[in-house]
Amino acid sequence: MQTLTLDVRGMTCGHCKMSVEGALNEVEGVSNVEVDLTTGNVTVSYDESKVTLESLRNAIEDQGYDVVA
């Protein structure tokens, strides 16, 4: 299991949080997602043999948010 924290811009409310969490939880191999609206951090725990950083980034960006790091 790998844990990664991403800096995501554009999240401002509970709906934003739910959108990002829902999108990431749909990615096969993701086991846990925590979104902190105050800091813009999204912490993802995932199986590195099934998930790439690019797939996580794409899932977030497809919801309309920008991944900075």
PDB file of N, CA and C in Angstrom:
ATOM      1  N   MET A   1       0.837  -1.191   0.000  1.00  0.00           N
ATOM      2  CA  MET A   1       0.000   0.000   0.000  1.00  0.00           C
ATOM      3  C   MET A   1       0.879   1.250   0.000  1.00  0.00           C
ATOM      4  N   GLN A   2       0.485   2.198  -0.767  1.00  0.00           N
ATOM      5  CA  GLN A   2       1.195   3.464  -0.884  1.00  0.00           C
ATOM      6  C   GLN A   2       0.237   4.573  -0.468  1.00  0.00           C
ATOM      7  N   THR A   3       0.763   5.624   0.169  1.00  0.00           N
ATOM      8  CA  THR A   3      -0.048   6.793   0.509  1.00  0.00           C
ATOM      9  C   THR A   3       0.593   8.014  -0.109  1.00  0.00           C
ATOM     10  N   LEU A   4      -0.248   8.837  -0.728  1.00  0.00           N
ATOM     11  CA  LEU A   4       0.222  10.013  -1.449  1.00  0.00           C
ATOM     12  C   LEU A   4      -0.688  11.187  -1.115  1.00  0.00           C
ATOM     13  N   THR A   5      -0.085  12.370  -0.930  1.00  0.00           N
ATOM     14  CA  THR A   5      -0.877  13.576  -0.705  1.00  0.00           C
ATOM     15  C   THR A   5      -0.706  14.498  -1.906  1.00  0.00           C
ATOM     16  N   LEU A   6      -1.833  14.882  -2.491  1.00  0.00           N
ATOM     17  CA  LEU A   6      -1.845  15.762  -3.663  1.00  0.00           C
ATOM     18  C   LEU A   6      -2.385  17.126  -3.287  1.00  0.00           C
ATOM     19  N   ASP A   7      -1.843  18.170  -3.898  1.00  0.00           N
ATOM     20  CA  ASP A   7      -2.337  19.530  -3.715  1.00  0.00           C
ATOM     21  C   ASP A   7      -3.333  19.798  -4.842  1.00  0.00           C
ATOM     22  N   VAL A   8      -4.599  19.963  -4.458  1.00  0.00           N
ATOM     23  CA  VAL A   8      -5.664  20.125  -5.449  1.00  0.00           C
ATOM     24  C   VAL A   8      -6.284  21.508  -5.294  1.00  0.00           C
ATOM     25  N   ARG A   9      -6.399  22.232  -6.394  1.00  0.00           N
ATOM     26  CA  ARG A   9      -6.957  23.590  -6.382  1.00  0.00           C
ATOM     27  C   ARG A   9      -8.378  23.579  -6.926  1.00  0.00           C
ATOM     28  N   GLY A  10      -9.215  24.451  -6.354  1.00  0.00           N
ATOM     29  CA  GLY A  10     -10.567  24.635  -6.866  1.00  0.00           C
ATOM     30  C   GLY A  10     -11.651  24.019  -6.005  1.00  0.00           C
ATOM     31  N   MET A  11     -11.284  23.275  -4.975  1.00  0.00           N
ATOM     32  CA  MET A  11     -12.293  22.661  -4.096  1.00  0.00           C
ATOM     33  C   MET A  11     -12.700  23.681  -3.034  1.00  0.00           C
ATOM     34  N   THR A  12     -14.008  23.920  -2.914  1.00  0.00           N
ATOM     35  CA  THR A  12     -14.460  24.951  -1.976  1.00  0.00           C
ATOM     36  C   THR A  12     -15.582  24.511  -1.046  1.00  0.00           C
ATOM     37  N   CYS A  13     -16.214  23.367  -1.328  1.00  0.00           N
ATOM     38  CA  CYS A  13     -17.404  23.015  -0.545  1.00  0.00           C
ATOM     39  C   CYS A  13     -17.542  21.500  -0.394  1.00  0.00           C
ATOM     40  N   GLY A  14     -18.556  21.108   0.322  1.00  0.00           N
ATOM     41  CA  GLY A  14     -18.817  19.696   0.536  1.00  0.00           C
ATOM     42  C   GLY A  14     -19.057  18.931  -0.750  1.00  0.00           C
ATOM     43  N   HIS A  15     -19.700  19.571  -1.713  1.00  0.00           N
ATOM     44  CA  HIS A  15     -19.934  18.904  -3.001  1.00  0.00           C
ATOM     45  C   HIS A  15     -18.615  18.632  -3.709  1.00  0.00           C
ATOM     46  N   CYS A  16     -17.691  19.587  -3.634  1.00  0.00           N
ATOM     47  CA  CYS A  16     -16.364  19.407  -4.230  1.00  0.00           C
ATOM     48  C   CYS A  16     -15.679  18.198  -3.595  1.00  0.00           C
ATOM     49  N   LYS A  17     -15.746  18.144  -2.278  1.00  0.00           N
ATOM     50  CA  LYS A  17     -15.133  17.041  -1.538  1.00  0.00           C
ATOM     51  C   LYS A  17     -15.727  15.707  -1.975  1.00  0.00           C
ATOM     52  N   MET A  18     -17.052  15.651  -2.060  1.00  0.00           N
ATOM     53  CA  MET A  18     -17.720  14.414  -2.455  1.00  0.00           C
ATOM     54  C   MET A  18     -17.368  14.025  -3.885  1.00  0.00           C
ATOM     55  N   SER A  19     -17.239  14.992  -4.774  1.00  0.00           N
ATOM     56  CA  SER A  19     -16.888  14.713  -6.171  1.00  0.00           C
ATOM     57  C   SER A  19     -15.508  14.076  -6.283  1.00  0.00           C
ATOM     58  N   VAL A  20     -14.540  14.660  -5.583  1.00  0.00           N
ATOM     59  CA  VAL A  20     -13.172  14.148  -5.634  1.00  0.00           C
ATOM     60  C   VAL A  20     -13.089  12.773  -4.975  1.00  0.00           C
ATOM     61  N   GLU A  21     -13.700  12.628  -3.805  1.00  0.00           N
ATOM     62  CA  GLU A  21     -13.688  11.334  -3.112  1.00  0.00           C
ATOM     63  C   GLU A  21     -14.345  10.259  -3.975  1.00  0.00           C
ATOM     64  N   GLY A  22     -15.490  10.583  -4.562  1.00  0.00           N
ATOM     65  CA  GLY A  22     -16.203   9.616  -5.390  1.00  0.00           C
ATOM     66  C   GLY A  22     -15.396   9.195  -6.604  1.00  0.00           C
ATOM     67  N   ALA A  23     -14.769  10.166  -7.261  1.00  0.00           N
ATOM     68  CA  ALA A  23     -13.980   9.866  -8.458  1.00  0.00           C
ATOM     69  C   ALA A  23     -12.790   8.981  -8.123  1.00  0.00           C
ATOM     70  N   LEU A  24     -12.102   9.289  -7.033  1.00  0.00           N
ATOM     71  CA  LEU A  24     -10.930   8.494  -6.663  1.00  0.00           C
ATOM     72  C   LEU A  24     -11.313   7.102  -6.176  1.00  0.00           C
ATOM     73  N   ASN A  25     -12.421   7.011  -5.470  1.00  0.00           N
ATOM     74  CA  ASN A  25     -12.863   5.696  -4.989  1.00  0.00           C
ATOM     75  C   ASN A  25     -13.286   4.780  -6.135  1.00  0.00           C
ATOM     76  N   GLU A  26     -13.576   5.344  -7.308  1.00  0.00           N
ATOM     77  CA  GLU A  26     -13.919   4.548  -8.485  1.00  0.00           C
ATOM     78  C   GLU A  26     -12.689   3.937  -9.144  1.00  0.00           C
ATOM     79  N   VAL A  27     -11.506   4.468  -8.836  1.00  0.00           N
ATOM     80  CA  VAL A  27     -10.268   3.948  -9.425  1.00  0.00           C
ATOM     81  C   VAL A  27      -9.927   2.625  -8.746  1.00  0.00           C
ATOM     82  N   GLU A  28      -9.804   1.572  -9.541  1.00  0.00           N
ATOM     83  CA  GLU A  28      -9.507   0.258  -8.978  1.00  0.00           C
ATOM     84  C   GLU A  28      -8.147   0.272  -8.289  1.00  0.00           C
ATOM     85  N   GLY A  29      -8.133  -0.159  -7.031  1.00  0.00           N
ATOM     86  CA  GLY A  29      -6.890  -0.201  -6.260  1.00  0.00           C
ATOM     87  C   GLY A  29      -6.809   0.869  -5.195  1.00  0.00           C
ATOM     88  N   VAL A  30      -7.704   1.861  -5.247  1.00  0.00           N
ATOM     89  CA  VAL A  30      -7.732   2.910  -4.220  1.00  0.00           C
ATOM     90  C   VAL A  30      -8.484   2.365  -3.012  1.00  0.00           C
ATOM     91  N   SER A  31      -7.862   2.484  -1.830  1.00  0.00           N
ATOM     92  CA  SER A  31      -8.485   1.938  -0.625  1.00  0.00           C
ATOM     93  C   SER A  31      -9.022   3.010   0.307  1.00  0.00           C
ATOM     94  N   ASN A  32      -8.441   4.220   0.262  1.00  0.00           N
ATOM     95  CA  ASN A  32      -8.910   5.280   1.166  1.00  0.00           C
ATOM     96  C   ASN A  32      -8.610   6.641   0.563  1.00  0.00           C
ATOM     97  N   VAL A  33      -9.548   7.573   0.768  1.00  0.00           N
ATOM     98  CA  VAL A  33      -9.380   8.941   0.285  1.00  0.00           C
ATOM     99  C   VAL A  33      -9.786   9.896   1.401  1.00  0.00           C
ATOM    100  N   GLU A  34      -8.927  10.881   1.673  1.00  0.00           N
ATOM    101  CA  GLU A  34      -9.255  11.926   2.646  1.00  0.00           C
ATOM    102  C   GLU A  34      -9.034  13.272   1.986  1.00  0.00           C
ATOM    103  N   VAL A  35     -10.078  14.118   2.002  1.00  0.00           N
ATOM    104  CA  VAL A  35     -10.014  15.440   1.399  1.00  0.00           C
ATOM    105  C   VAL A  35     -10.078  16.485   2.508  1.00  0.00           C
ATOM    106  N   ASP A  36      -9.121  17.410   2.504  1.00  0.00           N
ATOM    107  CA  ASP A  36      -9.105  18.517   3.452  1.00  0.00           C
ATOM    108  C   ASP A  36      -9.346  19.802   2.664  1.00  0.00           C
ATOM    109  N   LEU A  37     -10.559  20.337   2.764  1.00  0.00           N
ATOM    110  CA  LEU A  37     -10.902  21.543   1.998  1.00  0.00           C
ATOM    111  C   LEU A  37     -10.091  22.756   2.434  1.00  0.00           C
ATOM    112  N   THR A  38      -9.723  22.827   3.707  1.00  0.00           N
ATOM    113  CA  THR A  38      -8.980  23.981   4.228  1.00  0.00           C
ATOM    114  C   THR A  38      -7.618  24.109   3.566  1.00  0.00           C
ATOM    115  N   THR A  39      -6.914  22.996   3.441  1.00  0.00           N
ATOM    116  CA  THR A  39      -5.567  23.031   2.868  1.00  0.00           C
ATOM    117  C   THR A  39      -5.545  22.703   1.375  1.00  0.00           C
ATOM    118  N   GLY A  40      -6.604  22.069   0.881  1.00  0.00           N
ATOM    119  CA  GLY A  40      -6.626  21.631  -0.511  1.00  0.00           C
ATOM    120  C   GLY A  40      -5.886  20.320  -0.720  1.00  0.00           C
ATOM    121  N   ASN A  41      -5.550  19.651   0.388  1.00  0.00           N
ATOM    122  CA  ASN A  41      -4.829  18.388   0.282  1.00  0.00           C
ATOM    123  C   ASN A  41      -5.783  17.216   0.124  1.00  0.00           C
ATOM    124  N   VAL A  42      -5.410  16.306  -0.756  1.00  0.00           N
ATOM    125  CA  VAL A  42      -6.137  15.052  -0.940  1.00  0.00           C
ATOM    126  C   VAL A  42      -5.134  13.934  -0.675  1.00  0.00           C
ATOM    127  N   THR A  43      -5.408  13.139   0.354  1.00  0.00           N
ATOM    128  CA  THR A  43      -4.533  12.028   0.701  1.00  0.00           C
ATOM    129  C   THR A  43      -5.187  10.739   0.222  1.00  0.00           C
ATOM    130  N   VAL A  44      -4.427   9.986  -0.559  1.00  0.00           N
ATOM    131  CA  VAL A  44      -4.949   8.764  -1.178  1.00  0.00           C
ATOM    132  C   VAL A  44      -4.074   7.581  -0.783  1.00  0.00           C
ATOM    133  N   SER A  45      -4.718   6.518  -0.300  1.00  0.00           N
ATOM    134  CA  SER A  45      -4.025   5.246  -0.057  1.00  0.00           C
ATOM    135  C   SER A  45      -4.435   4.304  -1.173  1.00  0.00           C
ATOM    136  N   TYR A  46      -3.440   3.651  -1.780  1.00  0.00           N
ATOM    137  CA  TYR A  46      -3.738   2.825  -2.939  1.00  0.00           C
ATOM    138  C   TYR A  46      -2.700   1.718  -3.110  1.00  0.00           C
ATOM    139  N   ASP A  47      -3.057   0.754  -3.924  1.00  0.00           N
ATOM    140  CA  ASP A  47      -2.176  -0.353  -4.283  1.00  0.00           C
ATOM    141  C   ASP A  47      -1.353   0.094  -5.492  1.00  0.00           C
ATOM    142  N   GLU A  48      -0.055   0.301  -5.276  1.00  0.00           N
ATOM    143  CA  GLU A  48       0.793   0.836  -6.341  1.00  0.00           C
ATOM    144  C   GLU A  48       0.952  -0.115  -7.525  1.00  0.00           C
ATOM    145  N   SER A  49       0.569  -1.373  -7.372  1.00  0.00           N
ATOM    146  CA  SER A  49       0.630  -2.292  -8.508  1.00  0.00           C
ATOM    147  C   SER A  49      -0.577  -2.141  -9.429  1.00  0.00           C
ATOM    148  N   LYS A  50      -1.616  -1.435  -8.963  1.00  0.00           N
ATOM    149  CA  LYS A  50      -2.833  -1.264  -9.758  1.00  0.00           C
ATOM    150  C   LYS A  50      -3.108   0.186 -10.165  1.00  0.00           C
ATOM    151  N   VAL A  51      -2.491   1.136  -9.459  1.00  0.00           N
ATOM    152  CA  VAL A  51      -2.831   2.546  -9.637  1.00  0.00           C
ATOM    153  C   VAL A  51      -1.567   3.345  -9.954  1.00  0.00           C
ATOM    154  N   THR A  52      -1.690   4.272 -10.911  1.00  0.00           N
ATOM    155  CA  THR A  52      -0.581   5.179 -11.216  1.00  0.00           C
ATOM    156  C   THR A  52      -0.952   6.591 -10.778  1.00  0.00           C
ATOM    157  N   LEU A  53       0.059   7.407 -10.599  1.00  0.00           N
ATOM    158  CA  LEU A  53      -0.175   8.814 -10.267  1.00  0.00           C
ATOM    159  C   LEU A  53      -1.010   9.467 -11.357  1.00  0.00           C
ATOM    160  N   GLU A  54      -0.755   9.107 -12.593  1.00  0.00           N
ATOM    161  CA  GLU A  54      -1.509   9.689 -13.708  1.00  0.00           C
ATOM    162  C   GLU A  54      -2.994   9.347 -13.630  1.00  0.00           C
ATOM    163  N   SER A  55      -3.320   8.113 -13.227  1.00  0.00           N
ATOM    164  CA  SER A  55      -4.739   7.750 -13.126  1.00  0.00           C
ATOM    165  C   SER A  55      -5.421   8.513 -12.001  1.00  0.00           C
ATOM    166  N   LEU A  56      -4.696   8.763 -10.901  1.00  0.00           N
ATOM    167  CA  LEU A  56      -5.257   9.565  -9.809  1.00  0.00           C
ATOM    168  C   LEU A  56      -5.465  11.006 -10.259  1.00  0.00           C
ATOM    169  N   ARG A  57      -4.451  11.553 -10.910  1.00  0.00           N
ATOM    170  CA  ARG A  57      -4.530  12.932 -11.416  1.00  0.00           C
ATOM    171  C   ARG A  57      -5.683  13.075 -12.409  1.00  0.00           C
ATOM    172  N   ASN A  58      -5.827  12.130 -13.318  1.00  0.00           N
ATOM    173  CA  ASN A  58      -6.895  12.197 -14.314  1.00  0.00           C
ATOM    174  C   ASN A  58      -8.273  12.133 -13.658  1.00  0.00           C
ATOM    175  N   ALA A  59      -8.432  11.287 -12.642  1.00  0.00           N
ATOM    176  CA  ALA A  59      -9.724  11.165 -11.964  1.00  0.00           C
ATOM    177  C   ALA A  59     -10.127  12.489 -11.330  1.00  0.00           C
ATOM    178  N   ILE A  60      -9.164  13.189 -10.747  1.00  0.00           N
ATOM    179  CA  ILE A  60      -9.443  14.481 -10.112  1.00  0.00           C
ATOM    180  C   ILE A  60      -9.705  15.554 -11.167  1.00  0.00           C
ATOM    181  N   GLU A  61      -8.851  15.608 -12.178  1.00  0.00           N
ATOM    182  CA  GLU A  61      -8.994  16.632 -13.214  1.00  0.00           C
ATOM    183  C   GLU A  61     -10.271  16.452 -14.022  1.00  0.00           C
ATOM    184  N   ASP A  62     -10.735  15.214 -14.170  1.00  0.00           N
ATOM    185  CA  ASP A  62     -11.994  14.964 -14.867  1.00  0.00           C
ATOM    186  C   ASP A  62     -13.186  15.571 -14.113  1.00  0.00           C
ATOM    187  N   GLN A  63     -13.028  15.810 -12.814  1.00  0.00           N
ATOM    188  CA  GLN A  63     -14.079  16.442 -12.016  1.00  0.00           C
ATOM    189  C   GLN A  63     -14.000  17.976 -12.072  1.00  0.00           C
ATOM    190  N   GLY A  64     -12.974  18.505 -12.750  1.00  0.00           N
ATOM    191  CA  GLY A  64     -12.848  19.946 -12.946  1.00  0.00           C
ATOM    192  C   GLY A  64     -11.907  20.645 -11.996  1.00  0.00           C
ATOM    193  N   TYR A  65     -11.052  19.891 -11.310  1.00  0.00           N
ATOM    194  CA  TYR A  65     -10.112  20.483 -10.345  1.00  0.00           C
ATOM    195  C   TYR A  65      -8.696  20.341 -10.870  1.00  0.00           C
ATOM    196  N   ASP A  66      -7.801  21.200 -10.389  1.00  0.00           N
ATOM    197  CA  ASP A  66      -6.418  21.193 -10.835  1.00  0.00           C
ATOM    198  C   ASP A  66      -5.515  20.539  -9.797  1.00  0.00           C
ATOM    199  N   VAL A  67      -4.717  19.578 -10.238  1.00  0.00           N
ATOM    200  CA  VAL A  67      -3.736  18.927  -9.364  1.00  0.00           C
ATOM    201  C   VAL A  67      -2.427  19.655  -9.551  1.00  0.00           C
ATOM    202  N   VAL A  68      -1.929  20.252  -8.452  1.00  0.00           N
ATOM    203  CA  VAL A  68      -0.701  21.037  -8.514  1.00  0.00           C
ATOM    204  C   VAL A  68       0.518  20.161  -8.238  1.00  0.00           C
ATOM    205  N   ALA A  69       0.402  19.257  -7.278  1.00  0.00           N
ATOM    206  CA  ALA A  69       1.556  18.418  -6.933  1.00  0.00           C
ATOM    207  C   ALA A  69       1.104  16.996  -6.693  1.00  0.00           C
TER     208      ALA A  69
END
